[in-house]
Structures are given as structure tokens and as C-alpha cells.
Amino acid sequence: MVIPLPQAQVLPASEAATYAEWFACLAEPVRVRLLHAVATSPQGITIGSLTEIAGVSQSTCSHHVRKLADVGFVLLRKEGTATIVTVNQACCVGLPHAADAVMGLLAPCPCCPDDVPDEVVVRALETEDWPAVRRIYGEGIATGIATFETAVPSKAVLDAKWLPGHRWVAELDGQVVGWTAAAPVSTRDCYSGVAETSVYVGDGHRGRGVGKALLHQQVAAADAAGLWTLQTAIFTENRASVALHHQAGYRTVGIRERIAQRDGVWHDTVLVERRSPAI
């Protein structure tokens, strides 16, 4: 029996040229070190500081930074006599997408890391949790990079929107500090297994594994219930959320450029999705 090979997909020439330019720019180790330094400096970093980190002359550093800027990995702005270098947030998710495209999409990621913190308790949302859920929603809105919403939806709106069996809260020391929920993307039967997800962690409790615990419960429950695709859109500036979802088995689908405005400012979002391995 001869099993035919899958038909090869042809990457458009324009995309191939763009991706080749990105990868060629990063073929220089000094640039990789500089880009890492910039990407881990949220407020930006000066050329002088980058020169010290890379251990090269200032002219050499400036040359490499300019190459990174020409491709679009970094952005430059003047503050007095200093040049401040910041990372282009869209590239933080665009580069992994390029790698996925070139490689024909990587194999699905596992569900989640198994190092969910023991002190975080995740349980089903109950009626008395709504005030805390809406408060945490408001804290997410206040960050400016969690949602296009500018006001917290009412309990009635959220209750009608979210799937009943896919609403979870996280507790630390008996206090609700985060939540996650899933909503159907369509009323059509063919999309009955596709849901849009949200996850929020309260102010002062981020970075403690709360989001990881919530996503672990979210995807496990979705798999058990027969949901075959989970998807969400994340501001490109919200790199922590993108990384968190990748850990939970989501993959980057692509960048949605200038998809909507918040407070009069256009924002890009990265669309990520997770396909259930059980389906």
C-alpha cells in the first residue's frame, strides 16, 4: 500500500522575502544579544547602556541597533541627547508566527506545565463571586492592554455571554484573585465546539502562577467537554499574556493590525488558538 505524501504548501514569495530579511538580521550574535537586552527592558534602554552590555564600541553598537531598527525589531526615539531603544511589540509575536509559517506549523504544544502552584485553588464560579470577578475585570481594564472594553460589563451581560460549565475563579488564602471564562464564538452548530476565552488576574497577584492555574483548569475542562478549539485575541503589548497562553498549548495564528481603537488609539492584537488533542 502506498500512502501519498501531503501536498506541499507554497509560501508566498513576498512573505518568504520578509521572513528571510528578519532571520538574516538575527544571524549576527551581537544583534541577538542587543535585541534580548532591549526586549527585557520594558521602559527602553539607551545606546550607551547597550554598548556596555554588548562590550563593543559605541559606533559598532549604533550600527547593529540601526540594522535592528531597519528591519523593525526595535524602535528609536530621542530624549534630549540620548537615543532610547524600545522593542517593537508586534515583532515579539510576529517572529514566532514567521517561524511557524516557515516550518509549516509546529506540532501542538502540550496542555500546560505541571508546575501549577499548590497554594492557588481553582474552583467553579459561584453567585457570591460576582463582585470580585467584576472588580478584577476593572483592574484589567485599568492596565490599558487587557481589553478594548472601557467599562466593566454588568453581571447580567457576562452571565448571559459565558458558557455555564466554563467559568472558574482562583483563590489565594481564601480570596478570589483571578478568573477565566469561555464564550461561544457563534450560534451556528458547526462552531459549537469553538469558544473565545478570557483570563484576568487581580492587581497585586500577578506573577504568582494564578494565570497558569486558571488556564490549566480552562483547557482541561474544555477538552473534557468536547470543545475542539479555544481562541483569544491579545494586545501585542501584553507579552506576559501571550507567553502564558503559549505555555497552555495555544499557538500564534497571526497579527490583526489596527483591529480596534481604545481611547482613540489603534492597537494590534495577536490571535492565538488551542486545538484540543482529544478531537
C-alpha atoms as a PDB file:
ATOM      1  CA  MET A   1       0.000   0.000   0.000  1.00  0.00           C
ATOM      2  CA  VAL A   2       1.401   3.368  -0.998  1.00  0.00           C
ATOM      3  CA  ILE A   3       0.489   6.291   1.206  1.00  0.00           C
ATOM      4  CA  PRO A   4       0.625   9.564  -0.738  1.00  0.00           C
ATOM      5  CA  LEU A   5       2.618  12.370   0.743  1.00  0.00           C
ATOM      6  CA  PRO A   6       0.692  15.514   1.670  1.00  0.00           C
ATOM      7  CA  GLN A   7       0.757  18.179  -0.994  1.00  0.00           C
ATOM      8  CA  ALA A   8       3.435  20.778  -0.332  1.00  0.00           C
ATOM      9  CA  GLN A   9       2.277  24.265   0.547  1.00  0.00           C
ATOM     10  CA  VAL A  10       3.969  27.157  -1.226  1.00  0.00           C
ATOM     11  CA  LEU A  11       4.943  30.105   0.924  1.00  0.00           C
ATOM     12  CA  PRO A  12       4.241  33.357  -0.961  1.00  0.00           C
ATOM     13  CA  ALA A  13       7.432  34.926  -2.310  1.00  0.00           C
ATOM     14  CA  SER A  14       6.765  38.252  -0.596  1.00  0.00           C
ATOM     15  CA  GLU A  15       6.372  36.589   2.820  1.00  0.00           C
ATOM     16  CA  ALA A  16       9.452  34.448   2.238  1.00  0.00           C
ATOM     17  CA  ALA A  17      11.486  37.570   1.420  1.00  0.00           C
ATOM     18  CA  THR A  18      10.268  39.334   4.559  1.00  0.00           C
ATOM     19  CA  TYR A  19      10.991  36.379   6.815  1.00  0.00           C
ATOM     20  CA  ALA A  20      14.427  35.893   5.228  1.00  0.00           C
ATOM     21  CA  GLU A  21      15.236  39.526   5.998  1.00  0.00           C
ATOM     22  CA  TRP A  22      14.254  39.022   9.643  1.00  0.00           C
ATOM     23  CA  PHE A  23      16.292  35.849  10.045  1.00  0.00           C
ATOM     24  CA  ALA A  24      19.291  37.330   8.213  1.00  0.00           C
ATOM     25  CA  CYS A  25      19.285  40.299  10.561  1.00  0.00           C
ATOM     26  CA  LEU A  26      19.474  37.932  13.537  1.00  0.00           C
ATOM     27  CA  ALA A  27      22.329  35.908  12.023  1.00  0.00           C
ATOM     28  CA  GLU A  28      24.736  38.252  13.839  1.00  0.00           C
ATOM     29  CA  PRO A  29      25.170  37.157  17.513  1.00  0.00           C
ATOM     30  CA  VAL A  30      25.768  40.729  18.725  1.00  0.00           C
ATOM     31  CA  ARG A  31      22.380  41.753  17.363  1.00  0.00           C
ATOM     32  CA  VAL A  32      20.714  38.823  19.110  1.00  0.00           C
ATOM     33  CA  ARG A  33      22.256  39.937  22.427  1.00  0.00           C
ATOM     34  CA  LEU A  34      21.233  43.547  21.821  1.00  0.00           C
ATOM     35  CA  LEU A  35      17.675  42.585  20.912  1.00  0.00           C
ATOM     36  CA  HIS A  36      17.413  40.463  24.050  1.00  0.00           C
ATOM     37  CA  ALA A  37      18.625  43.371  26.174  1.00  0.00           C
ATOM     38  CA  VAL A  38      16.070  45.706  24.600  1.00  0.00           C
ATOM     39  CA  ALA A  39      13.220  43.192  24.863  1.00  0.00           C
ATOM     40  CA  THR A  40      13.894  42.729  28.589  1.00  0.00           C
ATOM     41  CA  SER A  41      13.935  46.488  29.248  1.00  0.00           C
ATOM     42  CA  PRO A  42      10.231  47.445  29.237  1.00  0.00           C
ATOM     43  CA  GLN A  43      10.883  51.184  29.613  1.00  0.00           C
ATOM     44  CA  GLY A  44      13.551  51.236  26.906  1.00  0.00           C
ATOM     45  CA  ILE A  45      17.323  51.433  27.113  1.00  0.00           C
ATOM     46  CA  THR A  46      19.929  53.888  25.868  1.00  0.00           C
ATOM     47  CA  ILE A  47      22.564  53.226  23.232  1.00  0.00           C
ATOM     48  CA  GLY A  48      25.178  53.901  25.905  1.00  0.00           C
ATOM     49  CA  SER A  49      23.810  51.154  28.156  1.00  0.00           C
ATOM     50  CA  LEU A  50      23.603  48.735  25.230  1.00  0.00           C
ATOM     51  CA  THR A  51      27.225  49.487  24.392  1.00  0.00           C
ATOM     52  CA  GLU A  52      28.264  48.419  27.890  1.00  0.00           C
ATOM     53  CA  ILE A  53      26.128  45.261  27.771  1.00  0.00           C
ATOM     54  CA  ALA A  54      27.463  44.150  24.384  1.00  0.00           C
ATOM     55  CA  GLY A  55      31.074  45.069  25.154  1.00  0.00           C
ATOM     56  CA  VAL A  56      31.560  46.776  21.792  1.00  0.00           C
ATOM     57  CA  SER A  57      32.335  50.309  20.713  1.00  0.00           C
ATOM     58  CA  GLN A  58      29.507  52.813  20.568  1.00  0.00           C
ATOM     59  CA  SER A  59      29.800  53.116  16.793  1.00  0.00           C
ATOM     60  CA  THR A  60      29.548  49.335  16.415  1.00  0.00           C
ATOM     61  CA  CYS A  61      26.571  49.210  18.779  1.00  0.00           C
ATOM     62  CA  SER A  62      24.826  52.013  16.908  1.00  0.00           C
ATOM     63  CA  HIS A  63      25.385  50.191  13.618  1.00  0.00           C
ATOM     64  CA  HIS A  64      23.766  46.987  14.900  1.00  0.00           C
ATOM     65  CA  VAL A  65      20.882  48.855  16.531  1.00  0.00           C
ATOM     66  CA  ARG A  66      20.213  50.632  13.260  1.00  0.00           C
ATOM     67  CA  LYS A  67      20.076  47.271  11.454  1.00  0.00           C
ATOM     68  CA  LEU A  68      17.560  46.026  14.010  1.00  0.00           C
ATOM     69  CA  ALA A  69      15.532  49.203  13.563  1.00  0.00           C
ATOM     70  CA  ASP A  70      15.613  48.954   9.752  1.00  0.00           C
ATOM     71  CA  VAL A  71      14.028  45.503   9.915  1.00  0.00           C
ATOM     72  CA  GLY A  72      11.531  46.632  12.552  1.00  0.00           C
ATOM     73  CA  PHE A  73      12.612  44.702  15.629  1.00  0.00           C
ATOM     74  CA  VAL A  74      13.274  47.871  17.628  1.00  0.00           C
ATOM     75  CA  LEU A  75      12.035  51.456  17.706  1.00  0.00           C
ATOM     76  CA  LEU A  76      14.196  54.540  18.309  1.00  0.00           C
ATOM     77  CA  ARG A  77      13.286  57.853  19.918  1.00  0.00           C
ATOM     78  CA  LYS A  78      15.257  60.856  21.090  1.00  0.00           C
ATOM     79  CA  GLU A  79      15.161  62.140  24.664  1.00  0.00           C
ATOM     80  CA  GLY A  80      17.457  65.123  24.789  1.00  0.00           C
ATOM     81  CA  THR A  81      20.807  63.954  23.502  1.00  0.00           C
ATOM     82  CA  ALA A  82      20.133  60.288  24.289  1.00  0.00           C
ATOM     83  CA  THR A  83      18.675  57.712  21.902  1.00  0.00           C
ATOM     84  CA  ILE A  84      16.192  55.416  23.629  1.00  0.00           C
ATOM     85  CA  VAL A  85      15.706  51.964  22.122  1.00  0.00           C
ATOM     86  CA  THR A  86      12.464  50.030  22.719  1.00  0.00           C
ATOM     87  CA  VAL A  87      11.263  46.709  21.362  1.00  0.00           C
ATOM     88  CA  ASN A  88       8.609  46.629  18.654  1.00  0.00           C
ATOM     89  CA  GLN A  89       5.917  44.672  20.497  1.00  0.00           C
ATOM     90  CA  ALA A  90       4.356  43.357  17.281  1.00  0.00           C
ATOM     91  CA  CYS A  91       7.631  41.611  16.408  1.00  0.00           C
ATOM     92  CA  CYS A  92       7.604  39.751  19.710  1.00  0.00           C
ATOM     93  CA  VAL A  93       4.704  37.717  18.378  1.00  0.00           C
ATOM     94  CA  GLY A  94       5.338  38.193  14.663  1.00  0.00           C
ATOM     95  CA  LEU A  95       8.683  36.392  14.770  1.00  0.00           C
ATOM     96  CA  PRO A  96       7.269  33.179  16.312  1.00  0.00           C
ATOM     97  CA  HIS A  97       4.493  33.321  13.736  1.00  0.00           C
ATOM     98  CA  ALA A  98       7.098  33.579  10.954  1.00  0.00           C
ATOM     99  CA  ALA A  99       8.898  30.533  12.313  1.00  0.00           C
ATOM    100  CA  ASP A 100       5.608  28.606  12.432  1.00  0.00           C
ATOM    101  CA  ALA A 101       4.828  29.628   8.852  1.00  0.00           C
ATOM    102  CA  VAL A 102       8.247  28.651   7.507  1.00  0.00           C
ATOM    103  CA  MET A 103       8.154  25.298   9.290  1.00  0.00           C
ATOM    104  CA  GLY A 104       4.621  24.506   8.162  1.00  0.00           C
ATOM    105  CA  LEU A 105       3.299  24.949  11.730  1.00  0.00           C
ATOM    106  CA  LEU A 106       4.936  23.245  14.655  1.00  0.00           C
ATOM    107  CA  ALA A 107       3.402  20.273  16.408  1.00  0.00           C
ATOM    108  CA  PRO A 108       0.745  21.156  19.008  1.00  0.00           C
ATOM    109  CA  CYS A 109       2.078  22.124  22.414  1.00  0.00           C
ATOM    110  CA  PRO A 110       1.204  20.039  25.474  1.00  0.00           C
ATOM    111  CA  CYS A 111      -1.712  21.118  27.647  1.00  0.00           C
ATOM    112  CA  CYS A 112       0.142  23.037  30.305  1.00  0.00           C
ATOM    113  CA  PRO A 113       3.230  22.909  32.515  1.00  0.00           C
ATOM    114  CA  ASP A 114       2.733  20.677  35.534  1.00  0.00           C
ATOM    115  CA  ASP A 115       4.172  23.204  37.983  1.00  0.00           C
ATOM    116  CA  VAL A 116       0.853  24.831  38.914  1.00  0.00           C
ATOM    117  CA  PRO A 117       1.313  26.368  42.383  1.00  0.00           C
ATOM    118  CA  ASP A 118      -0.302  24.344  45.174  1.00  0.00           C
ATOM    119  CA  GLU A 119      -1.455  27.445  47.044  1.00  0.00           C
ATOM    120  CA  VAL A 120      -3.730  28.540  44.192  1.00  0.00           C
ATOM    121  CA  VAL A 121      -7.170  26.914  44.386  1.00  0.00           C
ATOM    122  CA  VAL A 122      -9.273  26.968  41.222  1.00  0.00           C
ATOM    123  CA  ARG A 123     -12.994  26.250  41.506  1.00  0.00           C
ATOM    124  CA  ALA A 124     -16.241  26.930  39.670  1.00  0.00           C
ATOM    125  CA  LEU A 125     -17.561  30.491  39.826  1.00  0.00           C
ATOM    126  CA  GLU A 126     -20.381  30.865  42.363  1.00  0.00           C
ATOM    127  CA  THR A 127     -23.011  33.567  42.788  1.00  0.00           C
ATOM    128  CA  GLU A 128     -21.175  35.298  45.627  1.00  0.00           C
ATOM    129  CA  ASP A 129     -18.032  35.604  43.469  1.00  0.00           C
ATOM    130  CA  TRP A 130     -19.518  38.099  41.017  1.00  0.00           C
ATOM    131  CA  PRO A 131     -18.444  41.273  42.886  1.00  0.00           C
ATOM    132  CA  ALA A 132     -14.823  40.038  42.978  1.00  0.00           C
ATOM    133  CA  VAL A 133     -14.960  38.943  39.332  1.00  0.00           C
ATOM    134  CA  ARG A 134     -16.195  42.355  38.209  1.00  0.00           C
ATOM    135  CA  ARG A 135     -13.634  44.137  40.412  1.00  0.00           C
ATOM    136  CA  ILE A 136     -10.795  42.099  38.860  1.00  0.00           C
ATOM    137  CA  TYR A 137     -12.228  42.806  35.406  1.00  0.00           C
ATOM    138  CA  GLY A 138     -11.996  46.515  36.211  1.00  0.00           C
ATOM    139  CA  GLU A 139      -8.384  46.136  37.335  1.00  0.00           C
ATOM    140  CA  GLY A 140      -7.624  44.512  33.991  1.00  0.00           C
ATOM    141  CA  ILE A 141      -9.295  47.344  32.104  1.00  0.00           C
ATOM    142  CA  ALA A 142      -7.171  49.817  34.063  1.00  0.00           C
ATOM    143  CA  THR A 143      -3.946  48.317  32.663  1.00  0.00           C
ATOM    144  CA  GLY A 144      -4.916  49.538  29.191  1.00  0.00           C
ATOM    145  CA  ILE A 145      -3.610  46.367  27.488  1.00  0.00           C
ATOM    146  CA  ALA A 146      -6.063  43.688  28.588  1.00  0.00           C
ATOM    147  CA  THR A 147      -9.210  44.538  26.633  1.00  0.00           C
ATOM    148  CA  PHE A 148     -10.854  47.088  24.376  1.00  0.00           C
ATOM    149  CA  GLU A 149     -13.595  47.435  26.990  1.00  0.00           C
ATOM    150  CA  THR A 150     -13.502  50.717  28.893  1.00  0.00           C
ATOM    151  CA  ALA A 151     -16.214  49.856  31.425  1.00  0.00           C
ATOM    152  CA  VAL A 152     -16.923  46.641  33.313  1.00  0.00           C
ATOM    153  CA  PRO A 153     -19.872  44.756  31.800  1.00  0.00           C
ATOM    154  CA  SER A 154     -22.780  44.033  34.096  1.00  0.00           C
ATOM    155  CA  LYS A 155     -23.271  40.684  35.795  1.00  0.00           C
ATOM    156  CA  ALA A 156     -26.315  40.092  33.580  1.00  0.00           C
ATOM    157  CA  VAL A 157     -24.291  40.636  30.401  1.00  0.00           C
ATOM    158  CA  LEU A 158     -21.455  38.354  31.488  1.00  0.00           C
ATOM    159  CA  ASP A 159     -23.811  35.684  32.833  1.00  0.00           C
ATOM    160  CA  ALA A 160     -25.647  35.566  29.505  1.00  0.00           C
ATOM    161  CA  LYS A 161     -22.409  35.512  27.497  1.00  0.00           C
ATOM    162  CA  TRP A 162     -20.304  32.886  29.273  1.00  0.00           C
ATOM    163  CA  LEU A 163     -20.748  29.130  28.897  1.00  0.00           C
ATOM    164  CA  PRO A 164     -22.172  27.745  32.178  1.00  0.00           C
ATOM    165  CA  GLY A 165     -19.619  24.964  32.633  1.00  0.00           C
ATOM    166  CA  HIS A 166     -16.572  27.074  31.788  1.00  0.00           C
ATOM    167  CA  ARG A 167     -16.399  29.785  34.447  1.00  0.00           C
ATOM    168  CA  TRP A 168     -13.648  29.466  37.013  1.00  0.00           C
ATOM    169  CA  VAL A 169     -12.167  31.573  39.799  1.00  0.00           C
ATOM    170  CA  ALA A 170      -8.796  31.292  41.526  1.00  0.00           C
ATOM    171  CA  GLU A 171      -8.365  31.736  45.265  1.00  0.00           C
ATOM    172  CA  LEU A 172      -5.310  32.600  47.337  1.00  0.00           C
ATOM    173  CA  ASP A 173      -5.732  32.457  51.112  1.00  0.00           C
ATOM    174  CA  GLY A 174      -9.493  32.323  50.657  1.00  0.00           C
ATOM    175  CA  GLN A 175      -9.610  35.457  48.476  1.00  0.00           C
ATOM    176  CA  VAL A 176     -10.733  35.453  44.835  1.00  0.00           C
ATOM    177  CA  VAL A 177      -7.728  36.785  42.886  1.00  0.00           C
ATOM    178  CA  GLY A 178      -8.489  35.797  39.294  1.00  0.00           C
ATOM    179  CA  TRP A 179     -10.992  34.291  36.897  1.00  0.00           C
ATOM    180  CA  THR A 180     -11.316  32.720  33.489  1.00  0.00           C
ATOM    181  CA  ALA A 181     -14.339  32.100  31.287  1.00  0.00           C
ATOM    182  CA  ALA A 182     -15.236  30.878  27.819  1.00  0.00           C
ATOM    183  CA  ALA A 183     -17.932  32.165  25.500  1.00  0.00           C
ATOM    184  CA  PRO A 184     -19.272  30.664  22.246  1.00  0.00           C
ATOM    185  CA  VAL A 185     -17.985  32.354  19.101  1.00  0.00           C
ATOM    186  CA  SER A 186     -21.129  31.645  17.099  1.00  0.00           C
ATOM    187  CA  THR A 187     -24.680  30.323  17.402  1.00  0.00           C
ATOM    188  CA  ARG A 188     -24.144  28.095  14.344  1.00  0.00           C
ATOM    189  CA  ASP A 189     -23.985  24.371  15.113  1.00  0.00           C
ATOM    190  CA  CYS A 190     -20.810  23.891  13.071  1.00  0.00           C
ATOM    191  CA  TYR A 191     -18.941  26.124  15.541  1.00  0.00           C
ATOM    192  CA  SER A 192     -20.431  24.581  18.678  1.00  0.00           C
ATOM    193  CA  GLY A 193     -17.005  23.377  19.803  1.00  0.00           C
ATOM    194  CA  VAL A 194     -15.240  26.724  19.354  1.00  0.00           C
ATOM    195  CA  ALA A 195     -15.047  29.162  22.257  1.00  0.00           C
ATOM    196  CA  GLU A 196     -13.416  32.511  22.955  1.00  0.00           C
ATOM    197  CA  THR A 197     -11.608  32.641  26.268  1.00  0.00           C
ATOM    198  CA  SER A 198     -10.694  35.332  28.771  1.00  0.00           C
ATOM    199  CA  VAL A 199      -8.412  35.225  31.791  1.00  0.00           C
ATOM    200  CA  TYR A 200      -7.842  38.002  34.330  1.00  0.00           C
ATOM    201  CA  VAL A 201      -5.631  38.162  37.412  1.00  0.00           C
ATOM    202  CA  GLY A 202      -6.190  40.784  40.077  1.00  0.00           C
ATOM    203  CA  ASP A 203      -3.821  43.651  40.751  1.00  0.00           C
ATOM    204  CA  GLY A 204      -1.124  42.647  43.236  1.00  0.00           C
ATOM    205  CA  HIS A 205      -1.416  38.938  42.474  1.00  0.00           C
ATOM    206  CA  ARG A 206       0.156  38.755  39.017  1.00  0.00           C
ATOM    207  CA  GLY A 207       3.334  36.745  38.578  1.00  0.00           C
ATOM    208  CA  ARG A 208       2.356  34.193  41.241  1.00  0.00           C
ATOM    209  CA  GLY A 209       1.084  31.434  38.979  1.00  0.00           C
ATOM    210  CA  VAL A 210      -2.588  32.400  39.239  1.00  0.00           C
ATOM    211  CA  GLY A 211      -2.997  32.748  35.477  1.00  0.00           C
ATOM    212  CA  LYS A 212      -1.187  29.459  34.908  1.00  0.00           C
ATOM    213  CA  ALA A 213      -3.527  27.648  37.288  1.00  0.00           C
ATOM    214  CA  LEU A 214      -6.600  29.206  35.687  1.00  0.00           C
ATOM    215  CA  LEU A 215      -5.533  28.292  32.149  1.00  0.00           C
ATOM    216  CA  HIS A 216      -4.717  24.751  33.237  1.00  0.00           C
ATOM    217  CA  GLN A 217      -8.268  24.336  34.523  1.00  0.00           C
ATOM    218  CA  GLN A 218      -9.707  26.109  31.500  1.00  0.00           C
ATOM    219  CA  VAL A 219      -8.149  23.863  28.854  1.00  0.00           C
ATOM    220  CA  ALA A 220      -8.617  20.656  30.848  1.00  0.00           C
ATOM    221  CA  ALA A 221     -12.338  21.379  31.251  1.00  0.00           C
ATOM    222  CA  ALA A 222     -12.654  22.351  27.584  1.00  0.00           C
ATOM    223  CA  ASP A 223     -11.031  19.094  26.465  1.00  0.00           C
ATOM    224  CA  ALA A 224     -13.295  17.065  28.755  1.00  0.00           C
ATOM    225  CA  ALA A 225     -16.386  18.851  27.438  1.00  0.00           C
ATOM    226  CA  GLY A 226     -15.502  18.269  23.788  1.00  0.00           C
ATOM    227  CA  LEU A 227     -14.611  21.840  22.853  1.00  0.00           C
ATOM    228  CA  TRP A 228     -12.172  21.446  19.972  1.00  0.00           C
ATOM    229  CA  THR A 229     -10.837  24.986  19.616  1.00  0.00           C
ATOM    230  CA  LEU A 230     -10.193  27.757  22.128  1.00  0.00           C
ATOM    231  CA  GLN A 231      -9.193  31.161  20.816  1.00  0.00           C
ATOM    232  CA  THR A 232      -8.468  34.625  22.118  1.00  0.00           C
ATOM    233  CA  ALA A 233      -7.046  37.925  20.910  1.00  0.00           C
ATOM    234  CA  ILE A 234      -4.310  39.569  22.978  1.00  0.00           C
ATOM    235  CA  PHE A 235      -2.855  43.065  22.690  1.00  0.00           C
ATOM    236  CA  THR A 236       0.645  42.775  21.200  1.00  0.00           C
ATOM    237  CA  GLU A 237       1.884  44.863  24.142  1.00  0.00           C
ATOM    238  CA  ASN A 238       0.669  42.209  26.584  1.00  0.00           C
ATOM    239  CA  ARG A 239       3.637  39.895  26.175  1.00  0.00           C
ATOM    240  CA  ALA A 240       3.077  38.182  29.529  1.00  0.00           C
ATOM    241  CA  SER A 241      -0.367  37.008  28.409  1.00  0.00           C
ATOM    242  CA  VAL A 242       0.960  35.777  25.063  1.00  0.00           C
ATOM    243  CA  ALA A 243       3.647  33.742  26.848  1.00  0.00           C
ATOM    244  CA  LEU A 244       1.109  32.384  29.344  1.00  0.00           C
ATOM    245  CA  HIS A 245      -1.187  31.157  26.574  1.00  0.00           C
ATOM    246  CA  HIS A 246       1.689  29.575  24.664  1.00  0.00           C
ATOM    247  CA  GLN A 247       2.527  27.603  27.824  1.00  0.00           C
ATOM    248  CA  ALA A 248      -1.051  26.320  27.847  1.00  0.00           C
ATOM    249  CA  GLY A 249      -0.792  24.933  24.320  1.00  0.00           C
ATOM    250  CA  TYR A 250      -2.095  27.926  22.364  1.00  0.00           C
ATOM    251  CA  ARG A 251      -0.278  28.827  19.150  1.00  0.00           C
ATOM    252  CA  THR A 252       0.023  32.128  17.345  1.00  0.00           C
ATOM    253  CA  VAL A 253      -2.249  32.313  14.309  1.00  0.00           C
ATOM    254  CA  GLY A 254      -1.315  35.821  13.219  1.00  0.00           C
ATOM    255  CA  ILE A 255      -1.339  39.533  13.903  1.00  0.00           C
ATOM    256  CA  ARG A 256      -4.511  41.556  13.408  1.00  0.00           C
ATOM    257  CA  GLU A 257      -3.258  45.028  12.561  1.00  0.00           C
ATOM    258  CA  ARG A 258      -5.111  48.095  13.855  1.00  0.00           C
ATOM    259  CA  ILE A 259      -8.102  45.914  14.654  1.00  0.00           C
ATOM    260  CA  ALA A 260      -9.797  48.395  17.005  1.00  0.00           C
ATOM    261  CA  GLN A 261      -9.307  51.573  18.996  1.00  0.00           C
ATOM    262  CA  ARG A 262      -9.143  52.137  22.702  1.00  0.00           C
ATOM    263  CA  ASP A 263      -9.313  55.721  23.928  1.00  0.00           C
ATOM    264  CA  GLY A 264      -8.698  56.901  20.356  1.00  0.00           C
ATOM    265  CA  VAL A 265      -5.542  54.803  19.874  1.00  0.00           C
ATOM    266  CA  TRP A 266      -5.356  51.965  17.340  1.00  0.00           C
ATOM    267  CA  HIS A 267      -3.994  48.666  18.628  1.00  0.00           C
ATOM    268  CA  ASP A 268      -2.800  45.436  17.033  1.00  0.00           C
ATOM    269  CA  THR A 269      -3.750  42.092  18.547  1.00  0.00           C
ATOM    270  CA  VAL A 270      -2.224  38.648  18.231  1.00  0.00           C
ATOM    271  CA  LEU A 271      -4.753  35.894  17.572  1.00  0.00           C
ATOM    272  CA  VAL A 272      -3.890  32.675  19.377  1.00  0.00           C
ATOM    273  CA  GLU A 273      -5.762  29.408  19.429  1.00  0.00           C
ATOM    274  CA  ARG A 274      -5.548  25.983  21.009  1.00  0.00           C
ATOM    275  CA  ARG A 275      -6.728  22.848  19.273  1.00  0.00           C
ATOM    276  CA  SER A 276      -7.807  20.028  21.604  1.00  0.00           C
ATOM    277  CA  PRO A 277      -5.623  16.913  21.213  1.00  0.00           C
ATOM    278  CA  ALA A 278      -8.660  14.837  22.162  1.00  0.00           C
ATOM    279  CA  ILE A 279     -10.578  15.678  18.965  1.00  0.00           C
END
